[in-house]
Protein backbone atom coordinates (compact mmCIF):
# COMPACT_ATOMS: atom_id res chain seq x y z
CA MET A 1 0.07 0.16 -0.30
CA ASN A 2 1.70 3.23 -0.95
CA THR A 3 0.94 6.70 0.57
CA LYS A 4 2.67 9.72 1.20
CA LEU A 5 3.95 8.47 4.46
CA THR A 6 4.98 5.18 3.11
CA GLU A 7 6.80 7.04 0.68
CA LEU A 8 8.31 9.61 3.00
CA LEU A 9 9.70 6.96 5.48
CA ASN A 10 10.04 4.01 2.72
CA ILE A 11 8.06 1.53 4.84
CA LYS A 12 5.69 -0.89 3.52
CA TYR A 13 2.39 0.09 5.50
CA PRO A 14 1.26 3.06 6.69
CA ILE A 15 1.27 2.76 10.15
CA MET A 16 3.37 4.10 12.82
CA GLN A 17 3.70 2.93 16.26
CA GLY A 18 2.98 5.24 19.20
CA ALA A 19 6.15 6.32 21.19
CA MET A 20 4.72 5.35 24.86
CA ALA A 21 6.61 6.21 27.67
CA TRP A 22 8.18 3.41 29.85
CA VAL A 23 6.91 0.87 26.94
CA SER A 24 8.31 2.10 23.26
CA ASP A 25 11.92 0.80 23.55
CA SER A 26 14.53 -0.89 20.63
CA LYS A 27 12.80 -4.42 21.16
CA LEU A 28 9.34 -2.87 20.07
CA ALA A 29 10.54 -0.23 17.99
CA ALA A 30 12.64 -2.93 15.64
CA ALA A 31 9.67 -5.35 15.74
CA VAL A 32 7.14 -2.83 14.38
CA SER A 33 9.73 -1.76 11.66
CA ASN A 34 10.70 -5.24 10.84
CA ALA A 35 6.90 -5.97 10.29
CA GLY A 36 6.57 -3.42 7.75
CA GLY A 37 5.69 -0.61 9.91
CA ALA A 38 7.58 2.63 11.34
CA GLY A 39 8.86 1.74 14.83
CA ASN A 40 9.28 4.52 17.31
CA ILE A 41 11.32 4.72 20.45
CA GLY A 42 9.81 6.61 23.40
CA SER A 43 12.37 8.83 24.92
CA GLY A 44 9.95 10.53 27.78
CA GLY A 45 11.20 10.13 31.22
CA ARG A 46 14.51 8.57 30.10
CA ASP A 47 17.80 10.16 30.29
CA ALA A 48 20.12 10.47 27.11
CA ASN A 49 22.30 7.47 27.66
CA TRP A 50 19.34 5.27 28.11
CA VAL A 51 18.26 6.98 24.58
CA ARG A 52 21.73 6.34 22.87
CA GLU A 53 21.65 3.07 23.63
CA GLU A 54 18.21 1.93 22.64
CA ILE A 55 19.11 3.48 19.28
CA LYS A 56 22.22 1.50 18.87
CA MET A 57 20.17 -1.67 19.83
CA THR A 58 17.49 -0.96 17.40
CA LYS A 59 20.27 -0.77 14.45
CA LEU A 60 21.31 -4.19 15.47
CA LEU A 61 17.90 -5.61 15.28
CA THR A 62 16.43 -4.01 12.04
CA ASN A 63 17.87 -2.51 8.98
CA LYS A 64 14.42 -1.02 8.27
CA PRO A 65 13.74 2.81 9.29
CA PHE A 66 12.63 3.89 12.73
CA GLY A 67 12.47 6.93 14.76
CA VAL A 68 12.68 8.33 17.94
CA ASN A 69 10.16 10.50 19.78
CA VAL A 70 11.33 13.66 21.86
CA VAL A 71 9.28 14.91 24.43
CA LEU A 72 9.74 19.03 24.28
CA MET A 73 8.94 19.76 27.97
CA ASP A 74 11.61 17.28 29.07
CA ASP A 75 14.94 18.82 30.47
CA THR A 76 16.76 16.14 28.58
CA LYS A 77 15.66 17.13 25.06
CA ASP A 78 18.41 19.02 23.69
CA ASP A 79 20.87 16.20 24.95
CA ILE A 80 18.60 13.72 22.97
CA ILE A 81 18.33 15.68 19.88
CA ASP A 82 22.08 15.80 19.92
CA ILE A 83 22.02 12.03 20.21
CA ILE A 84 19.68 11.80 17.64
CA CYS A 85 21.72 13.84 15.26
CA GLU A 86 24.97 11.92 15.96
CA GLU A 87 23.10 8.53 15.36
CA LYS A 88 21.69 9.58 12.23
CA VAL A 89 18.08 8.17 13.27
CA ASP A 90 15.40 7.90 9.85
CA PHE A 91 12.75 10.17 11.54
CA VAL A 92 12.08 12.16 15.02
CA THR A 93 8.74 12.87 16.01
CA LEU A 94 8.67 16.09 18.31
CA SER A 95 5.57 16.52 20.73
CA ALA A 96 4.60 18.38 24.15
CA GLY A 97 6.21 21.42 23.49
CA ASN A 98 7.43 24.14 20.57
CA PRO A 99 9.08 22.08 17.51
CA MET A 100 10.01 25.44 15.93
CA PRO A 101 13.73 25.51 17.02
CA TYR A 102 14.77 22.08 16.05
CA ILE A 103 13.30 21.37 12.68
CA GLU A 104 15.87 23.25 10.58
CA ARG A 105 18.76 21.58 12.60
CA LEU A 106 17.22 18.05 12.27
CA LYS A 107 16.47 18.31 8.42
CA ASP A 108 20.11 19.85 7.83
CA GLU A 109 21.05 16.34 9.37
CA GLY A 110 18.82 14.08 6.91
CA ILE A 111 16.45 13.43 9.32
CA LYS A 112 12.69 13.60 8.75
CA VAL A 113 10.80 15.50 11.15
CA ILE A 114 7.54 14.69 12.29
CA THR A 115 5.47 17.04 14.28
CA VAL A 116 2.53 16.21 16.80
CA VAL A 117 -0.07 19.08 16.55
CA PRO A 118 -3.24 19.57 18.30
CA ASN A 119 -4.91 21.71 15.76
CA LEU A 120 -4.96 23.27 12.63
CA ARG A 121 -3.24 26.80 13.13
CA LEU A 122 -0.29 24.66 14.50
CA ALA A 123 -0.69 22.23 11.62
CA LYS A 124 -0.11 25.37 9.21
CA ARG A 125 2.73 26.62 10.79
CA VAL A 126 4.69 23.39 11.28
CA GLU A 127 3.94 22.71 7.60
CA GLU A 128 5.51 26.36 6.61
CA GLU A 129 8.44 25.92 8.94
CA GLY A 130 9.63 22.45 6.88
CA ALA A 131 7.96 19.44 8.99
CA ASP A 132 7.94 16.90 6.57
CA ALA A 133 4.73 15.34 7.94
CA ILE A 134 2.54 15.73 10.81
CA VAL A 135 0.65 13.64 13.62
CA ILE A 136 -2.93 15.03 14.52
CA GLU A 137 -3.98 13.29 17.74
CA GLY A 138 -7.50 13.28 19.04
CA LEU A 139 -8.77 12.98 22.80
CA GLU A 140 -9.45 9.18 22.19
CA ALA A 141 -5.64 8.70 22.42
CA GLY A 142 -4.28 7.45 25.68
CA GLY A 143 -1.79 9.65 27.63
CA HIS A 144 -1.98 13.37 27.59
CA ILE A 145 -4.60 14.72 25.45
CA GLY A 146 -5.95 17.59 23.64
CA GLN A 147 -9.55 19.25 23.37
CA LEU A 148 -10.53 17.67 19.78
CA THR A 149 -11.58 14.25 18.61
CA THR A 150 -9.87 12.45 15.97
CA MET A 151 -13.01 13.17 13.43
CA ALA A 152 -12.88 16.72 14.32
CA LEU A 153 -9.00 17.14 13.65
CA MET A 154 -9.07 14.87 10.37
CA THR A 155 -12.17 17.16 8.99
CA GLN A 156 -10.29 20.44 9.81
CA VAL A 157 -6.35 19.51 8.85
CA LEU A 158 -6.80 16.95 6.18
CA SER A 159 -8.27 19.29 3.57
CA GLU A 160 -5.82 22.34 4.48
CA ILE A 161 -2.35 20.32 4.67
CA ASP A 162 -0.44 19.10 1.78
CA ILE A 163 2.66 17.18 3.84
CA PRO A 164 1.78 13.66 5.05
CA VAL A 165 -0.97 13.65 7.85
CA ILE A 166 -0.81 10.65 10.18
CA ALA A 167 -4.20 10.46 12.07
CA ALA A 168 -3.95 9.39 15.58
CA GLY A 169 -6.48 8.57 18.70
CA GLY A 170 -8.74 5.68 18.89
CA PHE A 171 -7.10 3.63 16.18
CA ALA A 172 -6.63 -0.21 16.88
CA ASP A 173 -7.68 -1.77 13.74
CA GLY A 174 -7.77 -1.83 9.95
CA ARG A 175 -11.25 -0.12 10.09
CA GLY A 176 -9.91 2.71 11.49
CA LEU A 177 -6.91 2.98 9.07
CA ALA A 178 -9.35 2.36 6.26
CA ALA A 179 -11.58 5.30 7.58
CA ALA A 180 -8.52 7.73 7.90
CA LEU A 181 -7.12 6.99 4.29
CA THR A 182 -10.62 7.42 3.06
CA MET A 183 -10.50 10.92 5.04
CA GLY A 184 -7.37 11.91 3.35
CA ALA A 185 -4.74 10.71 6.16
CA SER A 186 -1.34 9.31 4.88
CA GLY A 187 -1.48 6.68 7.65
CA ILE A 188 -2.38 6.09 11.29
CA GLN A 189 -0.49 5.97 14.59
CA MET A 190 -1.42 3.11 17.16
CA GLY A 191 -0.07 3.03 20.45
CA THR A 192 -2.21 1.06 22.77
CA ARG A 193 -2.11 -2.04 20.22
CA PHE A 194 1.57 -2.31 20.53
CA TYR A 195 1.41 -1.52 24.36
CA ALA A 196 -0.21 -5.11 24.09
CA SER A 197 2.17 -7.07 21.58
CA GLU A 198 4.19 -9.71 22.46
CA GLU A 199 7.33 -7.58 21.80
CA SER A 200 6.27 -5.01 24.28
CA SER A 201 8.61 -5.10 27.19
CA ALA A 202 5.73 -3.89 29.25
CA HIS A 203 4.80 -5.91 32.29
CA ILE A 204 2.42 -8.75 31.58
CA ASN A 205 0.03 -7.40 34.19
CA ALA A 206 -0.56 -3.94 32.09
CA LYS A 207 -0.57 -5.72 28.69
CA GLU A 208 -3.56 -8.31 30.16
CA LYS A 209 -5.35 -5.21 31.79
CA ILE A 210 -5.50 -3.69 28.34
CA VAL A 211 -6.75 -7.04 26.98
CA ASN A 212 -9.17 -7.24 29.83
CA SER A 213 -10.79 -3.84 30.25
CA ASP A 214 -13.16 -1.73 28.00
CA GLU A 215 -13.31 1.51 29.77
CA THR A 216 -10.69 4.41 30.19
CA GLN A 217 -10.78 7.62 32.34
CA VAL A 218 -9.36 11.07 32.05
CA THR A 219 -7.98 12.43 35.10
CA GLY A 220 -6.82 16.07 35.59
CA TYR A 221 -9.46 17.54 33.23
CA LEU A 222 -10.39 20.58 35.80
CA HIS A 223 -6.84 21.26 36.05
CA ASN A 224 -5.51 21.53 32.29
CA HIS A 225 -3.86 18.36 32.39
CA SER A 226 -5.96 15.52 30.97
CA VAL A 227 -4.35 11.87 30.86
CA ARG A 228 -6.37 8.94 29.59
CA SER A 229 -5.73 5.60 31.42
CA ILE A 230 -7.82 2.42 32.06
CA LYS A 231 -10.23 2.88 34.95
CA ASN A 232 -8.57 1.87 37.92
CA MET A 233 -8.22 2.26 41.94
CA MET A 234 -6.07 5.20 41.12
CA THR A 235 -8.55 7.00 38.39
CA GLU A 236 -11.45 6.39 40.81
CA LYS A 237 -9.50 8.25 43.61
CA TYR A 238 -8.37 10.93 41.62
CA LEU A 239 -11.48 11.80 40.24
CA GLU A 240 -13.25 11.61 43.91
CA LEU A 241 -10.16 13.88 45.11
CA GLU A 242 -10.95 16.39 42.05
CA SER A 243 -14.68 16.58 42.37
CA THR A 244 -14.44 17.27 46.19
CA ASN A 245 -11.59 20.11 45.63
CA GLY A 246 -9.07 17.90 46.89
CA ALA A 247 -5.56 19.24 47.95
CA PRO A 248 -3.09 19.93 45.07
CA GLU A 249 -0.34 18.30 46.76
CA GLU A 250 -2.71 15.19 47.42
CA LEU A 251 -3.54 14.79 43.80
CA SER A 252 0.17 14.94 43.33
CA ASP A 253 1.33 12.55 45.23
CA LEU A 254 -1.30 10.08 43.83
CA VAL A 255 0.04 10.43 40.28
CA ILE A 256 3.61 11.05 40.52
CA GLY A 257 5.51 8.22 38.79
CA SER A 258 2.03 6.38 38.28
CA SER A 259 2.95 6.29 34.57
CA ARG A 260 6.03 4.10 35.22
CA LYS A 261 4.36 1.81 38.11
CA ALA A 262 2.26 -0.01 35.64
CA PRO A 263 4.25 -1.15 32.40
CA ILE A 264 7.46 -1.37 34.83
CA ASP A 265 6.33 -2.80 38.01
CA GLY A 266 3.11 -4.38 37.34
CA ASP A 267 0.81 -2.26 39.25
CA VAL A 268 -2.28 -1.96 37.46
CA ASN A 269 -4.19 -0.72 40.38
CA TRP A 270 -2.19 2.60 41.12
CA GLY A 271 -0.59 2.66 38.20
CA ALA A 272 -1.84 4.67 35.16
CA VAL A 273 -2.22 2.10 32.10
CA LEU A 274 -2.27 4.91 29.57
CA ALA A 275 -4.34 3.64 26.97
CA GLY A 276 -6.94 4.65 24.26
CA GLN A 277 -10.66 4.39 23.85
CA SER A 278 -10.63 1.66 21.28
CA LEU A 279 -9.14 -0.68 23.47
CA SER A 280 -12.13 -3.04 23.65
CA VAL A 281 -11.05 -4.42 19.97
CA ILE A 282 -7.61 -5.58 21.66
CA LYS A 283 -8.62 -9.23 22.76
CA SER A 284 -5.16 -10.81 22.58
CA ILE A 285 -1.49 -10.24 23.22
CA ASP A 286 -0.17 -10.88 19.65
CA SER A 287 3.17 -10.29 17.70
CA CYS A 288 3.73 -6.87 15.91
CA GLU A 289 3.82 -8.62 12.69
CA ASP A 290 0.57 -10.59 13.44
CA ILE A 291 -1.24 -6.92 14.48
CA ILE A 292 0.19 -5.04 11.44
CA ASN A 293 -0.98 -7.99 9.06
CA ASN A 294 -4.28 -8.26 10.62
CA THR A 295 -4.64 -4.72 10.69
CA MET A 296 -3.63 -4.40 6.64
CA GLU A 297 -6.35 -7.11 5.68
CA GLU A 298 -9.21 -5.47 7.76
CA ALA A 299 -8.10 -2.27 6.10
CA ARG A 300 -8.24 -3.95 2.38
CA GLN A 301 -11.79 -5.55 3.51
CA ALA A 302 -13.25 -2.59 4.66
CA ILE A 303 -12.03 -0.47 1.71
CA GLN A 304 -13.65 -3.21 -0.64
CA ASN A 305 -16.62 -3.17 1.44
CA VAL A 306 -17.30 0.67 1.04
CA SER A 307 -16.25 0.56 -3.03
CA ASN A 308 -19.17 -1.84 -3.32
CA PHE A 309 -21.53 1.31 -2.22
CA ILE A 310 -20.58 3.04 -5.22
CA LYS A 311 -20.83 0.48 -8.01
């Protein structure tokens, strides 16, 4: 399947793996890339040395294109970008901050720049600044979320932007890929589906929590710090405190380190299992190759079904 995204990154299928903090490492990124998608190392919460070692390991595990996500609110961002330039990674995704100061430098090093944007205004700006592609991520996604749904973002952005647009937020199967392509996207980003993969280094408790759950909750909405994760004791307690005007320090104590507790320590009761709203279609822990192949087959079937309507 050829799209602007597959041509840009020289990949077989228009599927990018979301860069999930504490989950997206060399093993997962390489597995996705080897299966024909675009693997992506997640640097969120990690130090620069860890990122360098994961890049080197990924190069040993695959000869396919892969990238690194840089969280621009992290203090380590400049050191990580230095390493990305030194290691000549194929592409970088820039999120959670202002990407403008980094676009030119990365492109000068021959690295494709993909920026994550929450609205049409920023999409137009990064296109003007030379970004190679953008990710538009709707509030259906796991983790930190914005204000607009994926459908609203696709409706607003896709007809206005010429560079490849990757749709994210709520994509977990081939029907979603078909819908995004039909809308005009060049591909999709899936995170939660790969979180629950065989190659994911996340704790088995967290993977099984995804497979066995069908409900997410958003915490921090009242404090403009919205995060989507699977409903558990932590989210219920947070929402209880939030609704009763709990002390800020009490709320902070509840969530500090929670994004690490589930995927690393296996605490799925008081840790945050960051997951998107479409997790109910994830019914088993599969290999990245099977996930991508099944997604592509489902997409082809969905597109064929739609074509039957216009005969």
